[in-house]
Protein backbone atom coordinates (compact mmCIF):
# COMPACT_ATOMS: atom_id res chain seq x y z
CA UNK A 1 0.00 0.00 0.00
CA UNK A 2 1.76 3.17 -1.15
CA UNK A 3 0.63 6.56 -0.01
CA UNK A 4 1.78 10.13 -0.20
CA UNK A 5 2.90 10.52 3.38
CA UNK A 6 5.12 13.02 5.16
CA UNK A 7 6.58 14.70 2.13
CA UNK A 8 6.78 14.93 -1.59
CA UNK A 9 7.98 11.38 -2.21
CA UNK A 10 5.78 8.33 -2.16
CA UNK A 11 6.72 5.78 0.47
CA UNK A 12 5.13 2.57 1.60
CA UNK A 13 3.24 3.32 4.79
CA UNK A 14 4.71 0.20 6.34
CA UNK A 15 8.20 1.64 5.92
CA UNK A 16 7.14 4.92 7.53
CA UNK A 17 5.79 3.11 10.59
CA UNK A 18 8.63 0.66 11.04
CA UNK A 19 11.38 3.15 10.22
CA UNK A 20 10.01 5.63 12.74
CA UNK A 21 10.25 3.40 15.78
CA UNK A 22 12.81 4.41 18.35
CA UNK A 23 14.57 1.04 18.17
CA UNK A 24 15.69 1.58 14.58
CA UNK A 25 16.70 5.19 15.04
CA UNK A 26 20.04 4.26 16.60
CA UNK A 27 22.88 5.09 14.25
CA UNK A 28 23.80 1.69 12.72
CA UNK A 29 20.19 0.56 12.33
CA UNK A 30 19.10 3.88 10.85
CA UNK A 31 21.98 3.81 8.36
CA UNK A 32 21.13 0.26 7.28
CA UNK A 33 17.42 1.00 6.99
CA UNK A 34 18.08 4.21 5.09
CA UNK A 35 20.23 2.35 2.57
CA UNK A 36 17.85 -0.60 2.27
CA UNK A 37 14.73 1.53 1.70
CA UNK A 38 16.60 4.16 -0.31
CA UNK A 39 15.20 6.78 2.04
CA UNK A 40 17.59 9.56 3.11
CA UNK A 41 18.49 9.49 6.81
CA UNK A 42 17.18 13.02 7.27
CA UNK A 43 13.81 11.72 6.04
CA UNK A 44 13.87 9.01 8.72
CA UNK A 45 14.53 11.73 11.27
CA UNK A 46 11.70 13.84 9.87
CA UNK A 47 9.33 10.88 10.14
CA UNK A 48 10.39 10.32 13.74
CA UNK A 49 9.80 14.01 14.54
CA UNK A 50 6.38 13.83 12.90
CA UNK A 51 5.37 10.98 15.19
CA UNK A 52 6.57 12.84 18.28
CA UNK A 53 5.25 16.31 17.53
CA UNK A 54 2.57 16.28 14.85
CA UNK A 55 0.81 12.92 15.15
CA UNK A 56 -0.51 13.69 18.68
CA UNK A 57 -2.08 16.86 17.22
CA UNK A 58 -3.83 15.17 14.28
CA UNK A 59 -7.64 15.09 14.25
CA UNK A 60 -7.40 11.27 14.17
CA UNK A 61 -5.44 11.05 17.42
CA UNK A 62 -7.42 13.87 19.04
CA UNK A 63 -10.65 12.00 18.30
CA UNK A 64 -9.57 8.43 19.05
CA UNK A 65 -6.56 8.64 21.36
CA UNK A 66 -8.65 8.53 24.52
CA UNK A 67 -10.03 5.13 23.50
CA UNK A 68 -6.65 3.48 24.06
CA UNK A 69 -6.36 1.95 27.51
CA UNK A 70 -3.80 2.08 28.83
CA UNK A 71 -2.74 5.15 26.83
CA UNK A 72 0.24 4.58 24.52
CA UNK A 73 3.46 6.39 25.43
CA UNK A 74 3.62 9.39 23.08
CA UNK A 75 7.43 9.45 23.32
CA UNK A 76 7.48 5.94 21.84
CA UNK A 77 5.10 6.53 18.89
CA UNK A 78 4.59 4.56 16.66
CA UNK A 79 6.06 1.60 18.60
CA UNK A 80 3.70 2.13 21.56
CA UNK A 81 0.72 2.10 19.18
CA UNK A 82 2.00 -1.10 17.62
CA UNK A 83 2.32 -2.57 21.13
CA UNK A 84 -1.33 -1.72 21.76
CA UNK A 85 -2.47 -3.49 18.60
CA UNK A 86 -0.29 -6.49 19.48
CA UNK A 87 -2.86 -7.40 22.13
CA UNK A 88 -5.22 -8.35 19.31
CA UNK A 89 -5.45 -11.81 17.81
CA UNK A 90 -5.14 -10.35 14.31
CA UNK A 91 -1.99 -8.93 12.74
CA UNK A 92 -1.00 -5.90 14.86
CA UNK A 93 0.87 -4.11 12.09
CA UNK A 94 -2.07 -4.41 9.71
CA UNK A 95 -4.43 -3.12 12.40
CA UNK A 96 -2.15 -0.14 13.02
CA UNK A 97 -1.95 0.60 9.30
CA UNK A 98 -5.73 0.44 9.03
CA UNK A 99 -6.04 2.77 12.02
CA UNK A 100 -3.72 5.28 10.29
CA UNK A 101 -5.53 5.13 6.93
CA UNK A 102 -7.52 8.35 7.50
CA UNK A 103 -4.20 10.23 7.74
CA UNK A 104 -3.08 9.07 4.31
CA UNK A 105 -6.21 9.60 2.27
CA UNK A 106 -8.09 12.70 1.28
CA UNK A 107 -11.84 12.99 1.66
CA UNK A 108 -13.70 12.88 -1.63
CA UNK A 109 -15.34 16.20 -2.37
CA UNK A 110 -18.93 15.69 -3.44
CA UNK A 111 -20.04 17.83 -6.34
CA UNK A 112 -23.04 20.04 -5.84
CA UNK A 113 -25.89 19.59 -8.30
CA UNK A 114 -26.50 16.94 -10.75
C-alpha atoms as a PDB file:
ATOM      1  CA  UNK A   1       0.000   0.000   0.000  1.00  0.00           C
ATOM      2  CA  UNK A   2       1.756   3.172  -1.151  1.00  0.00           C
ATOM      3  CA  UNK A   3       0.633   6.562  -0.012  1.00  0.00           C
ATOM      4  CA  UNK A   4       1.783  10.135  -0.196  1.00  0.00           C
ATOM      5  CA  UNK A   5       2.902  10.521   3.381  1.00  0.00           C
ATOM      6  CA  UNK A   6       5.117  13.021   5.164  1.00  0.00           C
ATOM      7  CA  UNK A   7       6.583  14.701   2.135  1.00  0.00           C
ATOM      8  CA  UNK A   8       6.781  14.930  -1.594  1.00  0.00           C
ATOM      9  CA  UNK A   9       7.984  11.383  -2.215  1.00  0.00           C
ATOM     10  CA  UNK A  10       5.782   8.326  -2.161  1.00  0.00           C
ATOM     11  CA  UNK A  11       6.725   5.779   0.471  1.00  0.00           C
ATOM     12  CA  UNK A  12       5.127   2.571   1.601  1.00  0.00           C
ATOM     13  CA  UNK A  13       3.240   3.321   4.791  1.00  0.00           C
ATOM     14  CA  UNK A  14       4.709   0.197   6.341  1.00  0.00           C
ATOM     15  CA  UNK A  15       8.200   1.645   5.916  1.00  0.00           C
ATOM     16  CA  UNK A  16       7.139   4.922   7.533  1.00  0.00           C
ATOM     17  CA  UNK A  17       5.793   3.113  10.591  1.00  0.00           C
ATOM     18  CA  UNK A  18       8.634   0.665  11.040  1.00  0.00           C
ATOM     19  CA  UNK A  19      11.384   3.147  10.217  1.00  0.00           C
ATOM     20  CA  UNK A  20      10.009   5.629  12.738  1.00  0.00           C
ATOM     21  CA  UNK A  21      10.247   3.405  15.778  1.00  0.00           C
ATOM     22  CA  UNK A  22      12.808   4.412  18.347  1.00  0.00           C
ATOM     23  CA  UNK A  23      14.567   1.039  18.175  1.00  0.00           C
ATOM     24  CA  UNK A  24      15.691   1.580  14.584  1.00  0.00           C
ATOM     25  CA  UNK A  25      16.701   5.195  15.042  1.00  0.00           C
ATOM     26  CA  UNK A  26      20.040   4.264  16.595  1.00  0.00           C
ATOM     27  CA  UNK A  27      22.885   5.093  14.246  1.00  0.00           C
ATOM     28  CA  UNK A  28      23.801   1.694  12.721  1.00  0.00           C
ATOM     29  CA  UNK A  29      20.193   0.558  12.328  1.00  0.00           C
ATOM     30  CA  UNK A  30      19.104   3.882  10.847  1.00  0.00           C
ATOM     31  CA  UNK A  31      21.977   3.815   8.358  1.00  0.00           C
ATOM     32  CA  UNK A  32      21.130   0.264   7.283  1.00  0.00           C
ATOM     33  CA  UNK A  33      17.421   1.003   6.989  1.00  0.00           C
ATOM     34  CA  UNK A  34      18.081   4.210   5.087  1.00  0.00           C
ATOM     35  CA  UNK A  35      20.231   2.349   2.571  1.00  0.00           C
ATOM     36  CA  UNK A  36      17.849  -0.599   2.267  1.00  0.00           C
ATOM     37  CA  UNK A  37      14.733   1.532   1.701  1.00  0.00           C
ATOM     38  CA  UNK A  38      16.604   4.159  -0.313  1.00  0.00           C
ATOM     39  CA  UNK A  39      15.201   6.775   2.041  1.00  0.00           C
ATOM     40  CA  UNK A  40      17.588   9.558   3.105  1.00  0.00           C
ATOM     41  CA  UNK A  41      18.489   9.492   6.812  1.00  0.00           C
ATOM     42  CA  UNK A  42      17.177  13.024   7.271  1.00  0.00           C
ATOM     43  CA  UNK A  43      13.812  11.721   6.043  1.00  0.00           C
ATOM     44  CA  UNK A  44      13.871   9.009   8.720  1.00  0.00           C
ATOM     45  CA  UNK A  45      14.531  11.733  11.274  1.00  0.00           C
ATOM     46  CA  UNK A  46      11.704  13.842   9.866  1.00  0.00           C
ATOM     47  CA  UNK A  47       9.327  10.879  10.141  1.00  0.00           C
ATOM     48  CA  UNK A  48      10.388  10.319  13.741  1.00  0.00           C
ATOM     49  CA  UNK A  49       9.802  14.005  14.539  1.00  0.00           C
ATOM     50  CA  UNK A  50       6.382  13.831  12.898  1.00  0.00           C
ATOM     51  CA  UNK A  51       5.369  10.981  15.189  1.00  0.00           C
ATOM     52  CA  UNK A  52       6.573  12.836  18.285  1.00  0.00           C
ATOM     53  CA  UNK A  53       5.248  16.314  17.526  1.00  0.00           C
ATOM     54  CA  UNK A  54       2.569  16.277  14.849  1.00  0.00           C
ATOM     55  CA  UNK A  55       0.814  12.915  15.149  1.00  0.00           C
ATOM     56  CA  UNK A  56      -0.513  13.693  18.675  1.00  0.00           C
ATOM     57  CA  UNK A  57      -2.085  16.864  17.216  1.00  0.00           C
ATOM     58  CA  UNK A  58      -3.832  15.166  14.282  1.00  0.00           C
ATOM     59  CA  UNK A  59      -7.636  15.089  14.250  1.00  0.00           C
ATOM     60  CA  UNK A  60      -7.403  11.270  14.168  1.00  0.00           C
ATOM     61  CA  UNK A  61      -5.436  11.048  17.423  1.00  0.00           C
ATOM     62  CA  UNK A  62      -7.417  13.865  19.038  1.00  0.00           C
ATOM     63  CA  UNK A  63     -10.650  11.996  18.298  1.00  0.00           C
ATOM     64  CA  UNK A  64      -9.570   8.434  19.046  1.00  0.00           C
ATOM     65  CA  UNK A  65      -6.557   8.643  21.361  1.00  0.00           C
ATOM     66  CA  UNK A  66      -8.650   8.535  24.524  1.00  0.00           C
ATOM     67  CA  UNK A  67     -10.031   5.130  23.500  1.00  0.00           C
ATOM     68  CA  UNK A  68      -6.649   3.477  24.061  1.00  0.00           C
ATOM     69  CA  UNK A  69      -6.364   1.952  27.513  1.00  0.00           C
ATOM     70  CA  UNK A  70      -3.795   2.079  28.830  1.00  0.00           C
ATOM     71  CA  UNK A  71      -2.736   5.146  26.832  1.00  0.00           C
ATOM     72  CA  UNK A  72       0.240   4.583  24.521  1.00  0.00           C
ATOM     73  CA  UNK A  73       3.460   6.392  25.431  1.00  0.00           C
ATOM     74  CA  UNK A  74       3.618   9.385  23.076  1.00  0.00           C
ATOM     75  CA  UNK A  75       7.426   9.446  23.318  1.00  0.00           C
ATOM     76  CA  UNK A  76       7.481   5.944  21.836  1.00  0.00           C
ATOM     77  CA  UNK A  77       5.099   6.533  18.889  1.00  0.00           C
ATOM     78  CA  UNK A  78       4.591   4.556  16.661  1.00  0.00           C
ATOM     79  CA  UNK A  79       6.060   1.605  18.604  1.00  0.00           C
ATOM     80  CA  UNK A  80       3.700   2.125  21.557  1.00  0.00           C
ATOM     81  CA  UNK A  81       0.724   2.096  19.176  1.00  0.00           C
ATOM     82  CA  UNK A  82       2.003  -1.101  17.624  1.00  0.00           C
ATOM     83  CA  UNK A  83       2.324  -2.572  21.130  1.00  0.00           C
ATOM     84  CA  UNK A  84      -1.325  -1.716  21.763  1.00  0.00           C
ATOM     85  CA  UNK A  85      -2.466  -3.487  18.599  1.00  0.00           C
ATOM     86  CA  UNK A  86      -0.290  -6.494  19.485  1.00  0.00           C
ATOM     87  CA  UNK A  87      -2.864  -7.397  22.131  1.00  0.00           C
ATOM     88  CA  UNK A  88      -5.220  -8.347  19.308  1.00  0.00           C
ATOM     89  CA  UNK A  89      -5.451 -11.815  17.813  1.00  0.00           C
ATOM     90  CA  UNK A  90      -5.137 -10.353  14.314  1.00  0.00           C
ATOM     91  CA  UNK A  91      -1.987  -8.933  12.739  1.00  0.00           C
ATOM     92  CA  UNK A  92      -0.999  -5.899  14.859  1.00  0.00           C
ATOM     93  CA  UNK A  93       0.874  -4.110  12.089  1.00  0.00           C
ATOM     94  CA  UNK A  94      -2.069  -4.414   9.713  1.00  0.00           C
ATOM     95  CA  UNK A  95      -4.432  -3.119  12.396  1.00  0.00           C
ATOM     96  CA  UNK A  96      -2.154  -0.137  13.021  1.00  0.00           C
ATOM     97  CA  UNK A  97      -1.952   0.601   9.296  1.00  0.00           C
ATOM     98  CA  UNK A  98      -5.730   0.441   9.028  1.00  0.00           C
ATOM     99  CA  UNK A  99      -6.038   2.768  12.019  1.00  0.00           C
ATOM    100  CA  UNK A 100      -3.724   5.276  10.288  1.00  0.00           C
ATOM    101  CA  UNK A 101      -5.527   5.128   6.931  1.00  0.00           C
ATOM    102  CA  UNK A 102      -7.516   8.352   7.500  1.00  0.00           C
ATOM    103  CA  UNK A 103      -4.198  10.230   7.742  1.00  0.00           C
ATOM    104  CA  UNK A 104      -3.083   9.073   4.314  1.00  0.00           C
ATOM    105  CA  UNK A 105      -6.214   9.603   2.272  1.00  0.00           C
ATOM    106  CA  UNK A 106      -8.093  12.703   1.277  1.00  0.00           C
ATOM    107  CA  UNK A 107     -11.840  12.987   1.660  1.00  0.00           C
ATOM    108  CA  UNK A 108     -13.699  12.881  -1.627  1.00  0.00           C
ATOM    109  CA  UNK A 109     -15.342  16.200  -2.375  1.00  0.00           C
ATOM    110  CA  UNK A 110     -18.931  15.689  -3.440  1.00  0.00           C
ATOM    111  CA  UNK A 111     -20.042  17.834  -6.337  1.00  0.00           C
ATOM    112  CA  UNK A 112     -23.041  20.044  -5.838  1.00  0.00           C
ATOM    113  CA  UNK A 113     -25.892  19.587  -8.296  1.00  0.00           C
ATOM    114  CA  UNK A 114     -26.495  16.944 -10.747  1.00  0.00           C
END
